[in-house]
Amino acid sequence: MDDREYPYSDDVLAAVDSGKKIEAIKRLREETGLGLKDAKHAIDALARERQGDAVAATHMSEEGGANGMIKLILVIAIVLGAYFYFFAG
């Protein structure tokens, strides 16, 4: 199977978003004529992509964007400070 994008209908997207992968595979096969294996791979990839989008959106809203970067900079500063205190001093 190649990695091309399929034109996912609203029914397929709704089934994937609600966790009904079998229903999504069935609808995709009806709409595109794909075989079972190709449709399953396409739906699995779509589910991972949409799950990642949802997780990223949730993470950004929880962290507030810059808040996560500030935490990362503080951790790096602490690690560098400890390194120079114990090993370079």
C-alpha atoms as a PDB file:
ATOM      1  CA  MET A   1       0.000   0.000   0.000  1.00  0.00           C
ATOM      2  CA  ASP A   2       1.267   3.461  -0.742  1.00  0.00           C
ATOM      3  CA  ASP A   3       1.009   6.272   1.787  1.00  0.00           C
ATOM      4  CA  ARG A   4      -1.377   8.471  -0.163  1.00  0.00           C
ATOM      5  CA  GLU A   5      -4.152  10.345   1.555  1.00  0.00           C
ATOM      6  CA  TYR A   6      -7.691   9.145   1.019  1.00  0.00           C
ATOM      7  CA  PRO A   7     -10.632  11.523   0.882  1.00  0.00           C
ATOM      8  CA  TYR A   8     -12.156  10.669   4.234  1.00  0.00           C
ATOM      9  CA  SER A   9     -15.867  11.372   4.488  1.00  0.00           C
ATOM     10  CA  ASP A  10     -17.483  12.901   7.537  1.00  0.00           C
ATOM     11  CA  ASP A  11     -18.892   9.454   8.421  1.00  0.00           C
ATOM     12  CA  VAL A  12     -15.415   7.900   8.438  1.00  0.00           C
ATOM     13  CA  LEU A  13     -13.956  10.745  10.482  1.00  0.00           C
ATOM     14  CA  ALA A  14     -16.834  10.582  12.987  1.00  0.00           C
ATOM     15  CA  ALA A  15     -16.392   6.828  13.398  1.00  0.00           C
ATOM     16  CA  VAL A  16     -12.640   7.215  13.984  1.00  0.00           C
ATOM     17  CA  ASP A  17     -13.142  10.061  16.457  1.00  0.00           C
ATOM     18  CA  SER A  18     -15.662   8.017  18.439  1.00  0.00           C
ATOM     19  CA  GLY A  19     -13.325   5.012  18.560  1.00  0.00           C
ATOM     20  CA  LYS A  20     -15.365   2.840  16.173  1.00  0.00           C
ATOM     21  CA  LYS A  21     -12.521   1.664  13.950  1.00  0.00           C
ATOM     22  CA  ILE A  22     -14.414  -1.315  12.505  1.00  0.00           C
ATOM     23  CA  GLU A  23     -17.250   0.963  11.398  1.00  0.00           C
ATOM     24  CA  ALA A  24     -14.698   3.398   9.922  1.00  0.00           C
ATOM     25  CA  ILE A  25     -12.966   0.591   8.002  1.00  0.00           C
ATOM     26  CA  LYS A  26     -16.310  -0.657   6.690  1.00  0.00           C
ATOM     27  CA  ARG A  27     -17.349   2.807   5.498  1.00  0.00           C
ATOM     28  CA  LEU A  28     -13.947   3.522   3.920  1.00  0.00           C
ATOM     29  CA  ARG A  29     -14.081   0.236   2.011  1.00  0.00           C
ATOM     30  CA  GLU A  30     -17.586   1.023   0.758  1.00  0.00           C
ATOM     31  CA  GLU A  31     -16.562   4.512  -0.340  1.00  0.00           C
ATOM     32  CA  THR A  32     -13.196   3.714  -1.937  1.00  0.00           C
ATOM     33  CA  GLY A  33     -13.268   0.038  -2.870  1.00  0.00           C
ATOM     34  CA  LEU A  34     -10.103  -0.620  -0.839  1.00  0.00           C
ATOM     35  CA  GLY A  35      -9.297  -4.080   0.379  1.00  0.00           C
ATOM     36  CA  LEU A  36      -9.567  -4.932   4.069  1.00  0.00           C
ATOM     37  CA  LYS A  37      -5.822  -4.723   4.756  1.00  0.00           C
ATOM     38  CA  ASP A  38      -5.365  -1.366   3.011  1.00  0.00           C
ATOM     39  CA  ALA A  39      -8.457   0.116   4.635  1.00  0.00           C
ATOM     40  CA  LYS A  40      -7.310  -1.063   8.075  1.00  0.00           C
ATOM     41  CA  HIS A  41      -3.870   0.485   7.596  1.00  0.00           C
ATOM     42  CA  ALA A  42      -5.424   3.746   6.384  1.00  0.00           C
ATOM     43  CA  ILE A  43      -7.812   3.939   9.353  1.00  0.00           C
ATOM     44  CA  ASP A  44      -5.067   3.058  11.839  1.00  0.00           C
ATOM     45  CA  ALA A  45      -2.876   5.832  10.421  1.00  0.00           C
ATOM     46  CA  LEU A  46      -5.796   8.274  10.475  1.00  0.00           C
ATOM     47  CA  ALA A  47      -6.598   7.369  14.090  1.00  0.00           C
ATOM     48  CA  ARG A  48      -2.969   7.890  15.148  1.00  0.00           C
ATOM     49  CA  GLU A  49      -2.855  11.217  13.329  1.00  0.00           C
ATOM     50  CA  ARG A  50      -6.104  12.466  14.838  1.00  0.00           C
ATOM     51  CA  GLN A  51      -5.115  11.179  18.303  1.00  0.00           C
ATOM     52  CA  GLY A  52      -1.803  13.027  18.012  1.00  0.00           C
ATOM     53  CA  ASP A  53      -3.578  16.212  16.951  1.00  0.00           C
ATOM     54  CA  ALA A  54      -5.916  15.942  19.936  1.00  0.00           C
ATOM     55  CA  VAL A  55      -3.066  15.248  22.358  1.00  0.00           C
ATOM     56  CA  ALA A  56      -1.009  18.139  20.994  1.00  0.00           C
ATOM     57  CA  ALA A  57      -3.955  20.519  21.267  1.00  0.00           C
ATOM     58  CA  THR A  58      -4.668  19.380  24.811  1.00  0.00           C
ATOM     59  CA  HIS A  59      -1.000  19.664  25.797  1.00  0.00           C
ATOM     60  CA  MET A  60      -0.693  23.182  24.412  1.00  0.00           C
ATOM     61  CA  SER A  61      -3.850  24.322  26.176  1.00  0.00           C
ATOM     62  CA  GLU A  62      -2.725  22.762  29.461  1.00  0.00           C
ATOM     63  CA  GLU A  63       0.795  24.149  29.300  1.00  0.00           C
ATOM     64  CA  GLY A  64      -0.216  27.526  27.951  1.00  0.00           C
ATOM     65  CA  GLY A  65       2.446  27.320  25.238  1.00  0.00           C
ATOM     66  CA  ALA A  66       5.307  29.293  26.787  1.00  0.00           C
ATOM     67  CA  ASN A  67       4.859  27.753  30.229  1.00  0.00           C
ATOM     68  CA  GLY A  68       6.351  24.449  29.028  1.00  0.00           C
ATOM     69  CA  MET A  69       9.316  26.252  27.484  1.00  0.00           C
ATOM     70  CA  ILE A  70      10.019  28.088  30.730  1.00  0.00           C
ATOM     71  CA  LYS A  71      10.047  24.784  32.616  1.00  0.00           C
ATOM     72  CA  LEU A  72      12.458  23.299  30.092  1.00  0.00           C
ATOM     73  CA  ILE A  73      14.834  26.269  30.355  1.00  0.00           C
ATOM     74  CA  LEU A  74      14.784  26.053  34.160  1.00  0.00           C
ATOM     75  CA  VAL A  75      15.628  22.349  34.094  1.00  0.00           C
ATOM     76  CA  ILE A  76      18.507  22.966  31.684  1.00  0.00           C
ATOM     77  CA  ALA A  77      19.807  25.814  33.872  1.00  0.00           C
ATOM     78  CA  ILE A  78      19.698  23.630  36.989  1.00  0.00           C
ATOM     79  CA  VAL A  79      21.503  20.768  35.256  1.00  0.00           C
ATOM     80  CA  LEU A  80      24.197  23.094  33.894  1.00  0.00           C
ATOM     81  CA  GLY A  81      24.584  24.786  37.279  1.00  0.00           C
ATOM     82  CA  ALA A  82      25.017  21.434  38.997  1.00  0.00           C
ATOM     83  CA  TYR A  83      27.533  20.319  36.383  1.00  0.00           C
ATOM     84  CA  PHE A  84      29.691  23.414  36.756  1.00  0.00           C
ATOM     85  CA  TYR A  85      29.431  23.345  40.560  1.00  0.00           C
ATOM     86  CA  PHE A  86      30.514  19.709  40.906  1.00  0.00           C
ATOM     87  CA  PHE A  87      32.764  19.084  37.906  1.00  0.00           C
ATOM     88  CA  ALA A  88      34.155  22.328  36.557  1.00  0.00           C
ATOM     89  CA  GLY A  89      34.837  24.078  39.818  1.00  0.00           C
END
